[in-house]
Amino acid sequence: RFHTTPSALKQSNNLRGSVIRAGDQLLIPSAFKGQQ
């Protein structure tokens, strides 16, 4: 959804595994500009 990878999300949020739960807050790295 945010044009990134699971590994990047893990790294950005200090996640050791892939388990996340509803209500958790994640930091998402995203582009400054539109994709075009």
PDB file of all heavy atoms in Angstrom:
ATOM      1  N   ARG A   1       0.817  -1.205   0.000  1.00  0.00           N
ATOM      2  CA  ARG A   1       0.000   0.000   0.000  1.00  0.00           C
ATOM      3  C   ARG A   1       0.855   1.261   0.000  1.00  0.00           C
ATOM      4  O   ARG A   1       0.514   2.265  -0.613  1.00  0.00           O
ATOM      5  CB  ARG A   1      -0.913  -0.020   1.223  1.00  0.00           C
ATOM      6  CG  ARG A   1      -1.992   1.062   1.235  1.00  0.00           C
ATOM      7  CD  ARG A   1      -2.859   0.899   2.471  1.00  0.00           C
ATOM      8  NE  ARG A   1      -3.393  -0.459   2.572  1.00  0.00           N
ATOM      9  CZ  ARG A   1      -3.710  -1.052   3.720  1.00  0.00           C
ATOM     10  NH1 ARG A   1      -3.552  -0.414   4.868  1.00  0.00           N
ATOM     11  NH2 ARG A   1      -4.202  -2.270   3.732  1.00  0.00           N
ATOM     12  N   PHE A   2       2.017   1.188   0.659  1.00  0.00           N
ATOM     13  CA  PHE A   2       2.849   2.381   0.804  1.00  0.00           C
ATOM     14  C   PHE A   2       4.137   2.312  -0.022  1.00  0.00           C
ATOM     15  O   PHE A   2       5.085   3.057   0.234  1.00  0.00           O
ATOM     16  CB  PHE A   2       3.180   2.604   2.286  1.00  0.00           C
ATOM     17  CG  PHE A   2       1.994   3.026   3.110  1.00  0.00           C
ATOM     18  CD1 PHE A   2       1.290   2.102   3.860  1.00  0.00           C
ATOM     19  CD2 PHE A   2       1.560   4.347   3.104  1.00  0.00           C
ATOM     20  CE1 PHE A   2       0.178   2.483   4.616  1.00  0.00           C
ATOM     21  CE2 PHE A   2       0.450   4.736   3.843  1.00  0.00           C
ATOM     22  CZ  PHE A   2      -0.242   3.806   4.607  1.00  0.00           C
ATOM     23  N   HIS A   3       4.183   1.409  -1.016  1.00  0.00           N
ATOM     24  CA  HIS A   3       5.319   1.324  -1.937  1.00  0.00           C
ATOM     25  C   HIS A   3       6.636   1.112  -1.197  1.00  0.00           C
ATOM     26  O   HIS A   3       7.637   1.802  -1.428  1.00  0.00           O
ATOM     27  CB  HIS A   3       5.416   2.587  -2.808  1.00  0.00           C
ATOM     28  CG  HIS A   3       4.145   2.928  -3.518  1.00  0.00           C
ATOM     29  ND1 HIS A   3       3.675   2.198  -4.591  1.00  0.00           N
ATOM     30  CD2 HIS A   3       3.225   3.900  -3.297  1.00  0.00           C
ATOM     31  CE1 HIS A   3       2.533   2.715  -5.005  1.00  0.00           C
ATOM     32  NE2 HIS A   3       2.233   3.740  -4.235  1.00  0.00           N
ATOM     33  N   THR A   4       6.639   0.137  -0.293  1.00  0.00           N
ATOM     34  CA  THR A   4       7.869  -0.200   0.415  1.00  0.00           C
ATOM     35  C   THR A   4       7.928  -1.713   0.574  1.00  0.00           C
ATOM     36  O   THR A   4       7.233  -2.434  -0.153  1.00  0.00           O
ATOM     37  CB  THR A   4       7.937   0.536   1.774  1.00  0.00           C
ATOM     38  OG1 THR A   4       9.188   0.255   2.385  1.00  0.00           O
ATOM     39  CG2 THR A   4       6.799   0.154   2.696  1.00  0.00           C
ATOM     40  N   THR A   5       8.743  -2.232   1.481  1.00  0.00           N
ATOM     41  CA  THR A   5       8.893  -3.673   1.654  1.00  0.00           C
ATOM     42  C   THR A   5       8.692  -4.044   3.120  1.00  0.00           C
ATOM     43  O   THR A   5       8.899  -3.225   4.018  1.00  0.00           O
ATOM     44  CB  THR A   5      10.298  -4.146   1.223  1.00  0.00           C
ATOM     45  OG1 THR A   5      11.273  -3.531   2.086  1.00  0.00           O
ATOM     46  CG2 THR A   5      10.574  -3.784  -0.218  1.00  0.00           C
ATOM     47  N   PRO A   6       8.318  -5.307   3.388  1.00  0.00           N
ATOM     48  CA  PRO A   6       8.201  -5.746   4.781  1.00  0.00           C
ATOM     49  C   PRO A   6       9.492  -5.567   5.575  1.00  0.00           C
ATOM     50  O   PRO A   6       9.461  -5.177   6.737  1.00  0.00           O
ATOM     51  CB  PRO A   6       7.825  -7.226   4.644  1.00  0.00           C
ATOM     52  CG  PRO A   6       7.114  -7.317   3.328  1.00  0.00           C
ATOM     53  CD  PRO A   6       7.841  -6.341   2.451  1.00  0.00           C
ATOM     54  N   SER A   7      10.644  -5.849   4.930  1.00  0.00           N
ATOM     55  CA  SER A   7      11.917  -5.707   5.647  1.00  0.00           C
ATOM     56  C   SER A   7      12.172  -4.257   6.029  1.00  0.00           C
ATOM     57  O   SER A   7      12.709  -3.971   7.108  1.00  0.00           O
ATOM     58  CB  SER A   7      13.070  -6.247   4.800  1.00  0.00           C
ATOM     59  OG  SER A   7      13.185  -5.537   3.580  1.00  0.00           O
ATOM     60  N   ALA A   8      11.781  -3.312   5.152  1.00  0.00           N
ATOM     61  CA  ALA A   8      11.962  -1.894   5.467  1.00  0.00           C
ATOM     62  C   ALA A   8      11.063  -1.499   6.637  1.00  0.00           C
ATOM     63  O   ALA A   8      11.463  -0.712   7.510  1.00  0.00           O
ATOM     64  CB  ALA A   8      11.648  -1.038   4.249  1.00  0.00           C
ATOM     65  N   LEU A   9       9.853  -2.050   6.672  1.00  0.00           N
ATOM     66  CA  LEU A   9       8.947  -1.761   7.786  1.00  0.00           C
ATOM     67  C   LEU A   9       9.495  -2.325   9.100  1.00  0.00           C
ATOM     68  O   LEU A   9       9.409  -1.689  10.154  1.00  0.00           O
ATOM     69  CB  LEU A   9       7.557  -2.344   7.508  1.00  0.00           C
ATOM     70  CG  LEU A   9       6.760  -1.696   6.373  1.00  0.00           C
ATOM     71  CD1 LEU A   9       5.432  -2.420   6.190  1.00  0.00           C
ATOM     72  CD2 LEU A   9       6.522  -0.219   6.651  1.00  0.00           C
ATOM     73  N   LYS A  10      10.055  -3.533   9.033  1.00  0.00           N
ATOM     74  CA  LYS A  10      10.653  -4.129  10.222  1.00  0.00           C
ATOM     75  C   LYS A  10      11.783  -3.257  10.751  1.00  0.00           C
ATOM     76  O   LYS A  10      11.896  -3.003  11.955  1.00  0.00           O
ATOM     77  CB  LYS A  10      11.190  -5.526   9.904  1.00  0.00           C
ATOM     78  CG  LYS A  10      10.137  -6.587   9.726  1.00  0.00           C
ATOM     79  CD  LYS A  10      10.820  -7.931   9.460  1.00  0.00           C
ATOM     80  CE  LYS A  10       9.815  -9.027   9.179  1.00  0.00           C
ATOM     81  NZ  LYS A  10      10.484 -10.324   8.922  1.00  0.00           N
ATOM     82  N   GLN A  11      12.650  -2.832   9.814  1.00  0.00           N
ATOM     83  CA  GLN A  11      13.798  -2.021  10.216  1.00  0.00           C
ATOM     84  C   GLN A  11      13.346  -0.685  10.809  1.00  0.00           C
ATOM     85  O   GLN A  11      13.866  -0.247  11.836  1.00  0.00           O
ATOM     86  CB  GLN A  11      14.719  -1.778   9.018  1.00  0.00           C
ATOM     87  CG  GLN A  11      15.980  -0.990   9.370  1.00  0.00           C
ATOM     88  CD  GLN A  11      16.784  -0.634   8.146  1.00  0.00           C
ATOM     89  OE1 GLN A  11      16.222  -0.422   7.075  1.00  0.00           O
ATOM     90  NE2 GLN A  11      18.091  -0.566   8.282  1.00  0.00           N
ATOM     91  N   SER A  12      12.364  -0.053  10.183  1.00  0.00           N
ATOM     92  CA  SER A  12      11.910   1.262  10.628  1.00  0.00           C
ATOM     93  C   SER A  12      11.228   1.205  11.994  1.00  0.00           C
ATOM     94  O   SER A  12      11.214   2.194  12.728  1.00  0.00           O
ATOM     95  CB  SER A  12      10.930   1.851   9.607  1.00  0.00           C
ATOM     96  OG  SER A  12      11.510   1.935   8.335  1.00  0.00           O
ATOM     97  N   ASN A  13      10.669   0.041  12.331  1.00  0.00           N
ATOM     98  CA  ASN A  13       9.882  -0.069  13.561  1.00  0.00           C
ATOM     99  C   ASN A  13      10.501  -1.025  14.578  1.00  0.00           C
ATOM    100  O   ASN A  13       9.839  -1.415  15.543  1.00  0.00           O
ATOM    101  CB  ASN A  13       8.459  -0.512  13.221  1.00  0.00           C
ATOM    102  CG  ASN A  13       7.705   0.543  12.431  1.00  0.00           C
ATOM    103  OD1 ASN A  13       7.114   1.445  12.999  1.00  0.00           O
ATOM    104  ND2 ASN A  13       7.736   0.440  11.103  1.00  0.00           N
ATOM    105  N   ASN A  14      11.776  -1.406  14.333  1.00  0.00           N
ATOM    106  CA  ASN A  14      12.509  -2.277  15.264  1.00  0.00           C
ATOM    107  C   ASN A  14      11.737  -3.557  15.571  1.00  0.00           C
ATOM    108  O   ASN A  14      11.638  -3.991  16.726  1.00  0.00           O
ATOM    109  CB  ASN A  14      12.822  -1.533  16.570  1.00  0.00           C
ATOM    110  CG  ASN A  14      13.759  -0.363  16.342  1.00  0.00           C
ATOM    111  OD1 ASN A  14      14.721  -0.472  15.584  1.00  0.00           O
ATOM    112  ND2 ASN A  14      13.474   0.761  16.980  1.00  0.00           N
ATOM    113  N   LEU A  15      11.145  -4.143  14.519  1.00  0.00           N
ATOM    114  CA  LEU A  15      10.389  -5.392  14.685  1.00  0.00           C
ATOM    115  C   LEU A  15      11.304  -6.592  14.477  1.00  0.00           C
ATOM    116  O   LEU A  15      12.027  -6.655  13.483  1.00  0.00           O
ATOM    117  CB  LEU A  15       9.229  -5.449  13.678  1.00  0.00           C
ATOM    118  CG  LEU A  15       8.166  -4.350  13.782  1.00  0.00           C
ATOM    119  CD1 LEU A  15       7.152  -4.505  12.645  1.00  0.00           C
ATOM    120  CD2 LEU A  15       7.459  -4.394  15.128  1.00  0.00           C
ATOM    121  N   ARG A  16      11.276  -7.531  15.396  1.00  0.00           N
ATOM    122  CA  ARG A  16      12.103  -8.731  15.242  1.00  0.00           C
ATOM    123  C   ARG A  16      11.419  -9.771  14.367  1.00  0.00           C
ATOM    124  O   ARG A  16      12.068 -10.511  13.646  1.00  0.00           O
ATOM    125  CB  ARG A  16      12.414  -9.326  16.613  1.00  0.00           C
ATOM    126  CG  ARG A  16      13.313  -8.436  17.469  1.00  0.00           C
ATOM    127  CD  ARG A  16      13.658  -9.120  18.781  1.00  0.00           C
ATOM    128  NE  ARG A  16      14.550  -8.303  19.591  1.00  0.00           N
ATOM    129  CZ  ARG A  16      15.006  -8.657  20.794  1.00  0.00           C
ATOM    130  NH1 ARG A  16      14.637  -9.833  21.317  1.00  0.00           N
ATOM    131  NH2 ARG A  16      15.807  -7.852  21.463  1.00  0.00           N
ATOM    132  N   GLY A  17      10.104  -9.829  14.454  1.00  0.00           N
ATOM    133  CA  GLY A  17       9.353 -10.794  13.652  1.00  0.00           C
ATOM    134  C   GLY A  17       8.358 -10.090  12.756  1.00  0.00           C
ATOM    135  O   GLY A  17       8.413  -8.873  12.565  1.00  0.00           O
ATOM    136  N   SER A  18       7.436 -10.869  12.207  1.00  0.00           N
ATOM    137  CA  SER A  18       6.446 -10.320  11.268  1.00  0.00           C
ATOM    138  C   SER A  18       5.068 -10.164  11.881  1.00  0.00           C
ATOM    139  O   SER A  18       4.116  -9.809  11.185  1.00  0.00           O
ATOM    140  CB  SER A  18       6.355 -11.228  10.034  1.00  0.00           C
ATOM    141  OG  SER A  18       7.600 -11.297   9.370  1.00  0.00           O
ATOM    142  N   VAL A  19       4.953 -10.451  13.177  1.00  0.00           N
ATOM    143  CA  VAL A  19       3.632 -10.403  13.824  1.00  0.00           C
ATOM    144  C   VAL A  19       3.283  -8.958  14.192  1.00  0.00           C
ATOM    145  O   VAL A  19       4.050  -8.275  14.881  1.00  0.00           O
ATOM    146  CB  VAL A  19       3.602 -11.289  15.083  1.00  0.00           C
ATOM    147  CG1 VAL A  19       2.242 -11.165  15.770  1.00  0.00           C
ATOM    148  CG2 VAL A  19       3.894 -12.736  14.725  1.00  0.00           C
ATOM    149  N   ILE A  20       2.145  -8.483  13.710  1.00  0.00           N
ATOM    150  CA  ILE A  20       1.599  -7.176  14.111  1.00  0.00           C
ATOM    151  C   ILE A  20       0.146  -7.371  14.505  1.00  0.00           C
ATOM    152  O   ILE A  20      -0.508  -8.333  14.072  1.00  0.00           O
ATOM    153  CB  ILE A  20       1.720  -6.135  12.973  1.00  0.00           C
ATOM    154  CG1 ILE A  20       1.046  -6.643  11.691  1.00  0.00           C
ATOM    155  CG2 ILE A  20       3.165  -5.741  12.723  1.00  0.00           C
ATOM    156  CD1 ILE A  20       1.015  -5.612  10.572  1.00  0.00           C
ATOM    157  N   ARG A  21      -0.353  -6.458  15.311  1.00  0.00           N
ATOM    158  CA  ARG A  21      -1.727  -6.599  15.814  1.00  0.00           C
ATOM    159  C   ARG A  21      -2.529  -5.347  15.517  1.00  0.00           C
ATOM    160  O   ARG A  21      -1.966  -4.243  15.447  1.00  0.00           O
ATOM    161  CB  ARG A  21      -1.708  -6.870  17.321  1.00  0.00           C
ATOM    162  CG  ARG A  21      -1.066  -8.199  17.697  1.00  0.00           C
ATOM    163  CD  ARG A  21      -1.000  -8.385  19.207  1.00  0.00           C
ATOM    164  NE  ARG A  21      -0.464  -9.712  19.549  1.00  0.00           N
ATOM    165  CZ  ARG A  21       0.831  -9.979  19.612  1.00  0.00           C
ATOM    166  NH1 ARG A  21       1.721  -9.027  19.355  1.00  0.00           N
ATOM    167  NH2 ARG A  21       1.241 -11.206  19.934  1.00  0.00           N
ATOM    168  N   ALA A  22      -3.813  -5.519  15.334  1.00  0.00           N
ATOM    169  CA  ALA A  22      -4.700  -4.378  15.112  1.00  0.00           C
ATOM    170  C   ALA A  22      -4.542  -3.383  16.263  1.00  0.00           C
ATOM    171  O   ALA A  22      -4.529  -3.765  17.435  1.00  0.00           O
ATOM    172  CB  ALA A  22      -6.155  -4.853  15.016  1.00  0.00           C
ATOM    173  N   GLY A  23      -4.389  -2.120  15.879  1.00  0.00           N
ATOM    174  CA  GLY A  23      -4.193  -1.076  16.871  1.00  0.00           C
ATOM    175  C   GLY A  23      -2.752  -0.662  17.033  1.00  0.00           C
ATOM    176  O   GLY A  23      -2.458   0.423  17.566  1.00  0.00           O
ATOM    177  N   ASP A  24      -1.788  -1.511  16.579  1.00  0.00           N
ATOM    178  CA  ASP A  24      -0.365  -1.131  16.629  1.00  0.00           C
ATOM    179  C   ASP A  24      -0.130   0.103  15.769  1.00  0.00           C
ATOM    180  O   ASP A  24      -0.800   0.305  14.738  1.00  0.00           O
ATOM    181  CB  ASP A  24       0.522  -2.263  16.118  1.00  0.00           C
ATOM    182  CG  ASP A  24       0.634  -3.419  17.110  1.00  0.00           C
ATOM    183  OD1 ASP A  24       0.162  -3.245  18.243  1.00  0.00           O
ATOM    184  OD2 ASP A  24       1.185  -4.474  16.721  1.00  0.00           O
ATOM    185  N   GLN A  25       0.845   0.914  16.139  1.00  0.00           N
ATOM    186  CA  GLN A  25       1.237   2.089  15.354  1.00  0.00           C
ATOM    187  C   GLN A  25       2.557   1.786  14.640  1.00  0.00           C
ATOM    188  O   GLN A  25       3.530   1.353  15.264  1.00  0.00           O
ATOM    189  CB  GLN A  25       1.422   3.310  16.272  1.00  0.00           C
ATOM    190  CG  GLN A  25       0.146   3.787  16.946  1.00  0.00           C
ATOM    191  CD  GLN A  25      -0.750   4.581  16.001  1.00  0.00           C
ATOM    192  OE1 GLN A  25      -0.303   5.098  14.985  1.00  0.00           O
ATOM    193  NE2 GLN A  25      -2.033   4.680  16.348  1.00  0.00           N
ATOM    194  N   LEU A  26       2.579   2.001  13.338  1.00  0.00           N
ATOM    195  CA  LEU A  26       3.797   1.786  12.547  1.00  0.00           C
ATOM    196  C   LEU A  26       4.254   3.104  11.934  1.00  0.00           C
ATOM    197  O   LEU A  26       3.419   3.928  11.526  1.00  0.00           O
ATOM    198  CB  LEU A  26       3.557   0.772  11.426  1.00  0.00           C
ATOM    199  CG  LEU A  26       3.232  -0.674  11.824  1.00  0.00           C
ATOM    200  CD1 LEU A  26       3.048  -1.517  10.558  1.00  0.00           C
ATOM    201  CD2 LEU A  26       4.330  -1.263  12.692  1.00  0.00           C
ATOM    202  N   LEU A  27       5.578   3.271  11.859  1.00  0.00           N
ATOM    203  CA  LEU A  27       6.151   4.388  11.117  1.00  0.00           C
ATOM    204  C   LEU A  27       6.435   3.909   9.695  1.00  0.00           C
ATOM    205  O   LEU A  27       7.124   2.896   9.501  1.00  0.00           O
ATOM    206  CB  LEU A  27       7.455   4.855  11.771  1.00  0.00           C
ATOM    207  CG  LEU A  27       7.327   5.796  12.972  1.00  0.00           C
ATOM    208  CD1 LEU A  27       8.700   6.081  13.553  1.00  0.00           C
ATOM    209  CD2 LEU A  27       6.650   7.106  12.566  1.00  0.00           C
ATOM    210  N   ILE A  28       5.894   4.609   8.714  1.00  0.00           N
ATOM    211  CA  ILE A  28       6.017   4.202   7.314  1.00  0.00           C
ATOM    212  C   ILE A  28       6.904   5.198   6.568  1.00  0.00           C
ATOM    213  O   ILE A  28       6.582   6.396   6.493  1.00  0.00           O
ATOM    214  CB  ILE A  28       4.640   4.158   6.617  1.00  0.00           C
ATOM    215  CG1 ILE A  28       3.631   3.376   7.450  1.00  0.00           C
ATOM    216  CG2 ILE A  28       4.787   3.595   5.211  1.00  0.00           C
ATOM    217  CD1 ILE A  28       3.858   1.899   7.496  1.00  0.00           C
ATOM    218  N   PRO A  29       8.036   4.718   5.995  1.00  0.00           N
ATOM    219  CA  PRO A  29       8.816   5.622   5.141  1.00  0.00           C
ATOM    220  C   PRO A  29       8.073   5.818   3.823  1.00  0.00           C
ATOM    221  O   PRO A  29       7.587   4.852   3.221  1.00  0.00           O
ATOM    222  CB  PRO A  29      10.131   4.857   4.929  1.00  0.00           C
ATOM    223  CG  PRO A  29       9.771   3.427   5.105  1.00  0.00           C
ATOM    224  CD  PRO A  29       8.630   3.387   6.076  1.00  0.00           C
ATOM    225  N   SER A  30       7.955   7.058   3.363  1.00  0.00           N
ATOM    226  CA  SER A  30       7.197   7.299   2.133  1.00  0.00           C
ATOM    227  C   SER A  30       7.844   8.427   1.339  1.00  0.00           C
ATOM    228  O   SER A  30       8.686   9.170   1.844  1.00  0.00           O
ATOM    229  CB  SER A  30       5.736   7.639   2.451  1.00  0.00           C
ATOM    230  OG  SER A  30       5.663   8.760   3.308  1.00  0.00           O
ATOM    231  N   ALA A  31       7.444   8.536   0.098  1.00  0.00           N
ATOM    232  CA  ALA A  31       8.045   9.512  -0.816  1.00  0.00           C
ATOM    233  C   ALA A  31       7.557  10.928  -0.496  1.00  0.00           C
ATOM    234  O   ALA A  31       6.409  11.133  -0.103  1.00  0.00           O
ATOM    235  CB  ALA A  31       7.697   9.150  -2.252  1.00  0.00           C
ATOM    236  N   PHE A  32       8.447  11.895  -0.706  1.00  0.00           N
ATOM    237  CA  PHE A  32       8.074  13.297  -0.522  1.00  0.00           C
ATOM    238  C   PHE A  32       7.076  13.739  -1.586  1.00  0.00           C
ATOM    239  O   PHE A  32       6.221  14.584  -1.341  1.00  0.00           O
ATOM    240  CB  PHE A  32       9.316  14.194  -0.608  1.00  0.00           C
ATOM    241  CG  PHE A  32      10.038  14.343   0.704  1.00  0.00           C
ATOM    242  CD1 PHE A  32      11.161  13.584   0.980  1.00  0.00           C
ATOM    243  CD2 PHE A  32       9.596  15.236   1.663  1.00  0.00           C
ATOM    244  CE1 PHE A  32      11.834  13.718   2.175  1.00  0.00           C
ATOM    245  CE2 PHE A  32      10.263  15.379   2.867  1.00  0.00           C
ATOM    246  CZ  PHE A  32      11.388  14.614   3.130  1.00  0.00           C
ATOM    247  N   LYS A  33       7.211  13.172  -2.798  1.00  0.00           N
ATOM    248  CA  LYS A  33       6.389  13.602  -3.921  1.00  0.00           C
ATOM    249  C   LYS A  33       5.534  12.438  -4.415  1.00  0.00           C
ATOM    250  O   LYS A  33       5.744  11.282  -4.013  1.00  0.00           O
ATOM    251  CB  LYS A  33       7.267  14.143  -5.047  1.00  0.00           C
ATOM    252  CG  LYS A  33       8.091  15.359  -4.641  1.00  0.00           C
ATOM    253  CD  LYS A  33       8.880  15.912  -5.817  1.00  0.00           C
ATOM    254  CE  LYS A  33       9.660  17.166  -5.415  1.00  0.00           C
ATOM    255  NZ  LYS A  33      10.419  17.736  -6.554  1.00  0.00           N
ATOM    256  N   GLY A  34       4.587  12.736  -5.306  1.00  0.00           N
ATOM    257  CA  GLY A  34       3.788  11.685  -5.923  1.00  0.00           C
ATOM    258  C   GLY A  34       4.660  10.763  -6.757  1.00  0.00           C
ATOM    259  O   GLY A  34       5.720  11.155  -7.253  1.00  0.00           O
ATOM    260  N   GLN A  35       4.210   9.515  -6.935  1.00  0.00           N
ATOM    261  CA  GLN A  35       5.020   8.510  -7.635  1.00  0.00           C
ATOM    262  C   GLN A  35       5.428   8.941  -9.044  1.00  0.00           C
ATOM    263  O   GLN A  35       6.502   8.596  -9.530  1.00  0.00           O
ATOM    264  CB  GLN A  35       4.265   7.181  -7.690  1.00  0.00           C
ATOM    265  CG  GLN A  35       4.127   6.497  -6.340  1.00  0.00           C
ATOM    266  CD  GLN A  35       5.475   6.164  -5.709  1.00  0.00           C
ATOM    267  OE1 GLN A  35       6.334   5.539  -6.335  1.00  0.00           O
ATOM    268  NE2 GLN A  35       5.671   6.603  -4.476  1.00  0.00           N
ATOM    269  N   GLN A  36       4.578   9.728  -9.721  1.00  0.00           N
ATOM    270  CA  GLN A  36       4.896  10.126 -11.095  1.00  0.00           C
ATOM    271  C   GLN A  36       6.105  11.059 -11.165  1.00  0.00           C
ATOM    272  O   GLN A  36       6.740  11.171 -12.218  1.00  0.00           O
ATOM    273  CB  GLN A  36       3.683  10.786 -11.743  1.00  0.00           C
ATOM    274  CG  GLN A  36       2.547   9.808 -12.032  1.00  0.00           C
ATOM    275  CD  GLN A  36       1.408  10.451 -12.798  1.00  0.00           C
ATOM    276  OE1 GLN A  36       1.330  11.663 -12.905  1.00  0.00           O
ATOM    277  NE2 GLN A  36       0.520   9.625 -13.338  1.00  0.00           N
TER     278      GLN A  36
END
